[in-house]
Amino acid sequence: MNKRDLIIIGGGAGGLTVASVAAQLGLKVTLIEKNDKLGGDCLHYGCVPSKTLIHTAKVASLMRRGAEFGLDAHETEVDLGKVNAHVQSVIDHIQQHDDPERFRDYGCEVLLGEPAEFISPHEVRVGERVIEGKRFVIATGTRPFIPPIPGLEETGFITNLDLFSLPSLPKQLIVLGGGPIGLEMGQALARLGSQVTIIHRQAHLLPQEDPELADALQNTLIAEGMVIHTSTQVQRTYRNNDTVMVDCGDGLTLEASQILLATGRQPNLEGLGLEAAGVKYKRQGISVDRRQRTSQKHIYACGDVCGPYAFTHMAEYQAGIVISNAIFRFPKKTDYRVVPWVTYTEIGRAHV
């Protein structure tokens, strides 16, 4: 059990795709996930809960707008604790498909609750155990980037890791970041009843999209009651009793009951022992070639930890490239000429 054909570090979309195929083909596979559940960020803190919250918020918005459709309008008091209980029920339903026993039935060894660390190019340590592998896949994903804003740690904040377990709705919410996460969650919470203010460093929201489309969305959000400050840099944050204060300079100071950080993501590289493995990486993530190979040709990476696109469907696509090269030994390269993505605001943005 301590000599494996394939060792996969990370139990998110990319790692699970590789593990499923490799184990069913009869390889000796070990899947290591440092958390106590499989599914990764998409299932627990990203795609699934966010889209559930967005849909719930849309229902609340439509109830208030009933008169536009010839129906009685209904104002509803939102209990965010109940909403998030519904969100959790959706996660739990989908979690069944990522049950560790399903992968064990395929013949895959699944190790939960402890991180993996390379101690050599062909060995990882998990707890007290050392496992040797012929080939490896790193699929550890990303986590929220915490910007170095003076006073932020002392003031307190939430990220997508906390949002779906909040017991009550923030009365006033400041969202730092006008990218997809900030706008999707900002609009959803505004529709549920929060007074939402977006602070964005750049001149246009959604900087990866056409400015004309981003500006049209901004007008829609403002019409729904949100406040948006673009080309605005946060200088510091602090507390005034129970009130969060955000100083943006130029005389602009904003008040809120909570800050939601949506300022980007950073790869989960710490503690992996990449130096011991001889795997090269940069601040943006692990360096890979078009076959998803790292600087060590028997070690592959896929998903958000290596980029260049942080999407679940991209992690699964890259996992397919890994499967072709690492398992079938059939050389196949990534092709990013046609990459779709969607921002699930309303109005939405689809991009290829």
Protein backbone atom coordinates (compact mmCIF):
# COMPACT_ATOMS: atom_id res chain seq x y z
CA MET A 1 0.00 0.00 0.00
CA ASN A 2 3.00 2.33 0.28
CA LYS A 3 3.99 1.92 -3.38
CA ARG A 4 1.42 3.35 -5.76
CA ASP A 5 1.06 3.83 -9.50
CA LEU A 6 -0.56 7.24 -9.06
CA ILE A 7 -0.87 9.62 -6.12
CA ILE A 8 -3.34 12.50 -6.41
CA ILE A 9 -3.12 15.45 -4.03
CA GLY A 10 -6.42 17.32 -3.85
CA GLY A 11 -10.00 16.03 -3.91
CA GLY A 12 -11.67 18.73 -6.00
CA ALA A 13 -13.02 18.53 -9.55
CA GLY A 14 -9.67 17.89 -11.23
CA GLY A 15 -8.35 15.36 -8.73
CA LEU A 16 -11.61 13.42 -8.59
CA THR A 17 -11.80 13.16 -12.38
CA VAL A 18 -8.32 11.66 -12.58
CA ALA A 19 -8.90 9.37 -9.59
CA SER A 20 -12.15 7.98 -10.99
CA VAL A 21 -10.67 7.03 -14.36
CA ALA A 22 -7.33 5.75 -13.06
CA ALA A 23 -8.85 3.56 -10.34
CA GLN A 24 -11.44 2.03 -12.66
CA LEU A 25 -8.65 1.15 -15.09
CA GLY A 26 -7.00 -0.89 -12.35
CA LEU A 27 -4.12 1.36 -11.35
CA LYS A 28 -3.05 1.48 -7.72
CA VAL A 29 -4.28 4.96 -6.86
CA THR A 30 -4.13 7.00 -3.65
CA LEU A 31 -6.21 10.18 -3.38
CA ILE A 32 -5.22 12.58 -0.59
CA GLU A 33 -7.51 15.41 0.59
CA LYS A 34 -6.48 17.51 3.57
CA ASN A 35 -10.10 18.36 4.44
CA ASP A 36 -12.57 15.80 5.77
CA LYS A 37 -14.77 15.83 2.65
CA LEU A 38 -14.23 15.47 -1.08
CA GLY A 39 -15.61 17.94 -3.59
CA GLY A 40 -13.27 20.88 -3.26
CA ASP A 41 -14.04 24.57 -3.42
CA CYS A 42 -16.65 24.26 -6.18
CA LEU A 43 -18.93 22.04 -4.13
CA HIS A 44 -18.48 23.55 -0.69
CA TYR A 45 -17.64 27.24 -1.19
CA GLY A 46 -17.98 28.09 -4.87
CA CYS A 47 -20.15 27.04 -7.80
CA VAL A 48 -22.81 25.02 -6.01
CA PRO A 49 -23.57 27.21 -2.98
CA SER A 50 -23.16 30.48 -4.87
CA LYS A 51 -25.57 29.50 -7.65
CA THR A 52 -28.06 28.21 -5.08
CA LEU A 53 -27.88 31.53 -3.23
CA ILE A 54 -28.21 33.46 -6.49
CA HIS A 55 -31.35 31.49 -7.42
CA THR A 56 -32.88 32.02 -3.98
CA ALA A 57 -32.18 35.75 -4.24
CA LYS A 58 -33.80 35.86 -7.68
CA VAL A 59 -36.94 34.23 -6.27
CA ALA A 60 -37.06 36.85 -3.49
CA SER A 61 -36.63 39.61 -6.08
CA LEU A 62 -39.40 38.23 -8.30
CA MET A 63 -41.76 37.99 -5.32
CA ARG A 64 -41.34 41.73 -4.73
CA ARG A 65 -41.82 42.42 -8.45
CA GLY A 66 -45.05 40.44 -8.78
CA ALA A 67 -47.00 43.50 -9.95
CA GLU A 68 -44.85 43.64 -13.11
CA PHE A 69 -46.32 40.28 -14.09
CA GLY A 70 -49.93 40.93 -13.09
CA LEU A 71 -49.50 39.23 -9.71
CA ASP A 72 -49.68 40.45 -6.15
CA ALA A 73 -46.31 41.64 -4.89
CA HIS A 74 -45.01 40.06 -1.70
CA GLU A 75 -42.42 41.56 0.60
CA THR A 76 -40.68 38.82 2.54
CA GLU A 77 -38.45 38.91 5.59
CA VAL A 78 -35.29 36.98 4.78
CA ASP A 79 -33.81 34.66 7.38
CA LEU A 80 -30.31 34.05 6.04
CA GLY A 81 -29.87 31.15 8.44
CA LYS A 82 -32.77 29.34 6.73
CA VAL A 83 -31.48 30.30 3.29
CA ASN A 84 -28.04 28.91 4.08
CA ALA A 85 -29.62 25.74 5.50
CA HIS A 86 -31.22 25.30 2.06
CA VAL A 87 -27.84 25.96 0.44
CA GLN A 88 -26.29 23.28 2.66
CA SER A 89 -29.01 20.81 1.72
CA VAL A 90 -28.11 21.25 -1.95
CA ILE A 91 -24.42 20.72 -1.14
CA ASP A 92 -25.28 17.59 0.84
CA HIS A 93 -27.33 16.20 -2.06
CA ILE A 94 -24.48 16.65 -4.53
CA GLN A 95 -21.95 15.44 -1.95
CA GLN A 96 -23.40 11.95 -2.42
CA HIS A 97 -21.68 11.81 -5.81
CA ASP A 98 -18.37 12.65 -4.14
CA ASP A 99 -18.74 10.07 -1.38
CA PRO A 100 -15.30 8.59 -0.56
CA GLU A 101 -16.87 5.12 -0.55
CA ARG A 102 -17.75 5.50 -4.22
CA PHE A 103 -14.07 5.97 -5.05
CA ARG A 104 -13.01 3.20 -2.68
CA ASP A 105 -15.41 0.91 -4.53
CA TYR A 106 -13.44 1.73 -7.67
CA GLY A 107 -10.31 0.50 -5.87
CA CYS A 108 -8.97 3.95 -5.01
CA GLU A 109 -7.41 4.50 -1.59
CA VAL A 110 -8.85 7.73 -0.15
CA LEU A 111 -7.06 9.55 2.67
CA LEU A 112 -8.94 12.41 4.32
CA GLY A 113 -8.12 14.97 6.97
CA GLU A 114 -4.35 15.23 6.61
CA PRO A 115 -2.20 17.14 4.10
CA ALA A 116 0.41 15.58 1.84
CA GLU A 117 3.99 16.83 1.68
CA PHE A 118 6.66 15.81 -0.80
CA ILE A 119 9.86 14.64 0.87
CA SER A 120 11.48 13.63 -2.45
CA PRO A 121 10.46 13.63 -6.12
CA HIS A 122 8.83 10.20 -5.68
CA GLU A 123 7.65 10.26 -2.04
CA VAL A 124 5.03 12.07 0.00
CA ARG A 125 4.40 12.05 3.72
CA VAL A 126 0.84 11.90 5.02
CA GLY A 127 0.82 11.98 8.81
CA GLU A 128 3.26 9.32 9.94
CA ARG A 129 3.10 7.43 6.66
CA VAL A 130 5.44 7.76 3.67
CA ILE A 131 4.00 6.74 0.28
CA GLU A 132 6.04 6.18 -2.86
CA GLY A 133 4.51 6.94 -6.25
CA LYS A 134 5.45 6.44 -9.89
CA ARG A 135 3.41 9.44 -10.97
CA PHE A 136 1.66 12.29 -9.18
CA VAL A 137 -1.10 14.82 -9.82
CA ILE A 138 -1.27 18.06 -7.84
CA ALA A 139 -4.80 19.50 -7.80
CA THR A 140 -4.90 21.52 -4.59
CA GLY A 141 -6.87 24.50 -5.92
CA THR A 142 -6.87 28.04 -4.58
CA ARG A 143 -8.12 30.06 -1.62
CA PRO A 144 -9.20 33.69 -1.19
CA PHE A 145 -6.44 36.27 -1.52
CA ILE A 146 -6.30 38.56 1.51
CA PRO A 147 -4.98 41.97 0.44
CA PRO A 148 -2.48 43.75 2.71
CA ILE A 149 -4.85 46.54 3.74
CA PRO A 150 -3.88 48.24 7.02
CA GLY A 151 -6.31 47.32 9.80
CA LEU A 152 -8.13 44.64 7.81
CA GLU A 153 -7.24 41.70 10.07
CA GLU A 154 -8.20 43.63 13.20
CA THR A 155 -11.44 44.91 11.65
CA GLY A 156 -12.54 41.47 10.53
CA PHE A 157 -14.05 40.26 7.26
CA ILE A 158 -15.69 37.33 5.55
CA THR A 159 -14.87 35.49 2.32
CA ASN A 160 -16.67 32.86 0.28
CA LEU A 161 -15.42 30.37 2.91
CA ASP A 162 -17.69 32.01 5.51
CA LEU A 163 -20.56 33.42 3.47
CA PHE A 164 -22.64 30.25 3.25
CA SER A 165 -22.66 29.67 6.98
CA LEU A 166 -23.68 33.18 8.07
CA PRO A 167 -26.61 32.98 10.49
CA SER A 168 -28.02 36.41 9.67
CA LEU A 169 -28.05 38.91 6.83
CA PRO A 170 -25.59 41.83 7.13
CA LYS A 171 -27.62 45.03 7.22
CA GLN A 172 -24.90 46.96 5.42
CA LEU A 173 -22.29 45.10 3.38
CA ILE A 174 -19.17 46.43 1.70
CA VAL A 175 -17.78 44.15 -1.00
CA LEU A 176 -14.12 44.65 -1.87
CA GLY A 177 -13.71 43.60 -5.49
CA GLY A 178 -15.81 44.03 -8.61
CA GLY A 179 -15.00 40.73 -10.30
CA PRO A 180 -17.41 37.82 -10.82
CA ILE A 181 -17.48 36.65 -7.17
CA GLY A 182 -17.97 40.15 -5.76
CA LEU A 183 -20.74 41.04 -8.19
CA GLU A 184 -22.59 37.70 -8.05
CA MET A 185 -22.61 37.59 -4.26
CA GLY A 186 -23.14 41.34 -3.92
CA GLN A 187 -26.25 41.30 -6.10
CA ALA A 188 -27.59 38.17 -4.40
CA LEU A 189 -27.24 39.65 -0.90
CA ALA A 190 -28.70 42.97 -2.07
CA ARG A 191 -31.75 41.15 -3.40
CA LEU A 192 -32.09 39.36 -0.08
CA GLY A 193 -32.12 42.69 1.75
CA SER A 194 -28.58 43.91 2.47
CA GLN A 195 -27.51 47.44 1.60
CA VAL A 196 -24.56 46.60 -0.63
CA THR A 197 -21.65 48.80 -1.67
CA ILE A 198 -19.04 47.58 -4.17
CA ILE A 199 -15.50 49.00 -4.06
CA HIS A 200 -13.40 48.25 -7.13
CA ARG A 201 -9.84 49.39 -7.85
CA GLN A 202 -10.15 49.52 -11.62
CA ALA A 203 -12.15 51.82 -13.86
CA HIS A 204 -14.56 49.10 -15.01
CA LEU A 205 -16.19 46.18 -13.24
CA LEU A 206 -15.41 42.69 -14.58
CA PRO A 207 -12.03 43.67 -16.05
CA GLN A 208 -11.87 40.48 -18.16
CA GLU A 209 -15.00 41.49 -20.07
CA ASP A 210 -15.71 44.19 -22.65
CA PRO A 211 -16.02 47.57 -20.86
CA GLU A 212 -19.34 48.32 -22.60
CA LEU A 213 -20.88 45.17 -21.13
CA ALA A 214 -19.40 45.81 -17.71
CA ASP A 215 -20.80 49.34 -17.72
CA ALA A 216 -24.26 48.09 -18.73
CA LEU A 217 -24.20 45.66 -15.82
CA GLN A 218 -23.09 48.44 -13.48
CA ASN A 219 -26.13 50.48 -14.49
CA THR A 220 -28.38 47.49 -13.79
CA LEU A 221 -26.88 46.97 -10.32
CA ILE A 222 -27.23 50.66 -9.46
CA ALA A 223 -30.86 50.56 -10.61
CA GLU A 224 -31.42 47.71 -8.14
CA GLY A 225 -30.17 49.92 -5.30
CA MET A 226 -26.49 48.94 -5.04
CA VAL A 227 -23.79 51.59 -4.62
CA ILE A 228 -20.66 51.16 -6.74
CA HIS A 229 -17.33 52.95 -6.43
CA THR A 230 -14.88 52.23 -9.28
CA SER A 231 -11.30 53.51 -9.56
CA THR A 232 -11.30 53.44 -5.76
CA GLN A 233 -8.50 52.15 -3.55
CA VAL A 234 -9.05 51.18 0.09
CA GLN A 235 -6.46 52.88 2.33
CA ARG A 236 -7.35 51.29 5.66
CA THR A 237 -10.16 49.78 7.68
CA TYR A 238 -11.05 50.10 11.35
CA ARG A 239 -13.94 49.74 13.76
CA ASN A 240 -16.02 52.38 15.46
CA ASN A 241 -17.77 50.32 18.13
CA ASP A 242 -19.84 47.79 16.12
CA THR A 243 -19.50 49.68 12.85
CA VAL A 244 -16.92 48.77 10.22
CA MET A 245 -15.23 51.81 8.71
CA VAL A 246 -13.53 51.70 5.30
CA ASP A 247 -11.33 54.67 4.44
CA CYS A 248 -10.79 55.06 0.70
CA GLY A 249 -8.94 58.35 0.77
CA ASP A 250 -9.97 61.59 -0.98
CA GLY A 251 -12.44 62.16 1.84
CA LEU A 252 -14.45 59.01 1.12
CA THR A 253 -15.13 56.91 4.22
CA LEU A 254 -17.81 54.23 4.13
CA GLU A 255 -19.65 52.47 6.96
CA ALA A 256 -20.96 48.94 7.11
CA SER A 257 -21.73 46.04 9.43
CA GLN A 258 -19.58 43.57 7.46
CA ILE A 259 -16.87 43.38 4.78
CA LEU A 260 -16.92 40.68 2.11
CA LEU A 261 -13.55 40.11 0.44
CA ALA A 262 -13.69 39.24 -3.26
CA THR A 263 -10.22 40.41 -4.23
CA GLY A 264 -9.02 37.38 -6.13
CA ARG A 265 -7.57 33.96 -5.39
CA GLN A 266 -4.15 32.51 -4.59
CA PRO A 267 -2.89 28.96 -5.20
CA ASN A 268 -2.64 26.44 -2.38
CA LEU A 269 1.09 25.73 -2.49
CA GLU A 270 2.17 26.04 1.13
CA GLY A 271 3.21 22.86 2.88
CA LEU A 272 3.36 20.77 -0.30
CA GLY A 273 7.15 20.47 -0.19
CA LEU A 274 7.49 21.46 -3.84
CA GLU A 275 11.17 22.29 -3.34
CA ALA A 276 11.84 18.73 -2.15
CA ALA A 277 10.01 17.43 -5.21
CA GLY A 278 11.88 19.73 -7.58
CA VAL A 279 8.64 21.27 -8.84
CA LYS A 280 8.92 24.87 -10.07
CA TYR A 281 6.22 27.38 -9.27
CA LYS A 282 5.49 31.11 -9.30
CA ARG A 283 3.23 33.35 -7.29
CA GLN A 284 0.44 32.59 -9.78
CA GLY A 285 0.78 28.83 -9.30
CA ILE A 286 2.62 25.72 -10.44
CA SER A 287 4.34 25.96 -13.83
CA VAL A 288 3.15 23.34 -16.33
CA ASP A 289 3.66 22.63 -20.02
CA ARG A 290 0.88 21.96 -22.51
CA ARG A 291 0.71 18.34 -21.35
CA GLN A 292 0.09 19.53 -17.76
CA ARG A 293 3.55 18.29 -16.74
CA THR A 294 5.49 20.20 -14.12
CA SER A 295 9.26 20.64 -14.17
CA GLN A 296 9.33 17.01 -12.98
CA LYS A 297 7.89 15.07 -15.92
CA HIS A 298 6.29 12.40 -13.69
CA ILE A 299 4.45 15.05 -11.66
CA TYR A 300 1.41 16.68 -13.22
CA ALA A 301 -0.85 19.53 -12.08
CA CYS A 302 -4.36 20.55 -13.07
CA GLY A 303 -7.04 23.01 -12.07
CA ASP A 304 -6.80 26.34 -10.30
CA VAL A 305 -3.42 25.55 -8.72
CA CYS A 306 -1.77 25.95 -12.12
CA GLY A 307 -4.32 28.01 -14.11
CA PRO A 308 -4.53 29.79 -16.42
CA TYR A 309 -8.34 29.70 -16.02
CA ALA A 310 -9.95 29.19 -12.62
CA PHE A 311 -13.08 27.32 -13.67
CA THR A 312 -14.38 23.90 -12.70
CA HIS A 313 -14.92 22.93 -16.32
CA MET A 314 -11.31 23.91 -17.03
CA ALA A 315 -10.06 21.74 -14.15
CA GLU A 316 -11.99 18.81 -15.61
CA TYR A 317 -10.64 19.53 -19.10
CA GLN A 318 -7.07 19.65 -17.81
CA ALA A 319 -7.72 16.43 -15.87
CA GLY A 320 -8.56 14.81 -19.21
CA ILE A 321 -5.20 15.98 -20.57
CA VAL A 322 -3.49 14.46 -17.52
CA ILE A 323 -5.36 11.17 -18.00
CA SER A 324 -4.25 10.97 -21.63
CA ASN A 325 -0.59 11.67 -20.85
CA ALA A 326 -0.06 10.13 -17.42
CA ILE A 327 -2.31 7.07 -17.66
CA PHE A 328 -2.71 6.17 -21.33
CA ARG A 329 0.74 7.54 -22.22
CA PHE A 330 -0.84 9.13 -25.27
CA PRO A 331 0.64 12.60 -25.86
CA LYS A 332 -2.05 15.24 -25.82
CA LYS A 333 -1.75 19.01 -25.37
CA THR A 334 -4.09 21.65 -24.01
CA ASP A 335 -5.91 23.88 -26.48
CA TYR A 336 -7.29 27.11 -25.06
CA ARG A 337 -8.61 28.61 -28.31
CA VAL A 338 -12.24 28.18 -27.23
CA VAL A 339 -12.76 28.72 -23.49
CA PRO A 340 -16.28 29.57 -22.29
CA TRP A 341 -17.20 31.24 -19.02
CA VAL A 342 -20.26 32.85 -17.49
CA THR A 343 -20.81 35.47 -14.82
CA TYR A 344 -24.14 34.69 -13.15
CA THR A 345 -25.25 38.19 -12.35
CA GLU A 346 -28.55 39.36 -13.72
CA ILE A 347 -28.19 40.45 -16.43
CA GLY A 348 -25.67 37.66 -17.04
CA ARG A 349 -22.44 37.64 -19.01
CA ALA A 350 -21.40 34.74 -21.23
CA HIS A 351 -17.99 34.78 -22.87
CA VAL A 352 -16.08 32.55 -25.28
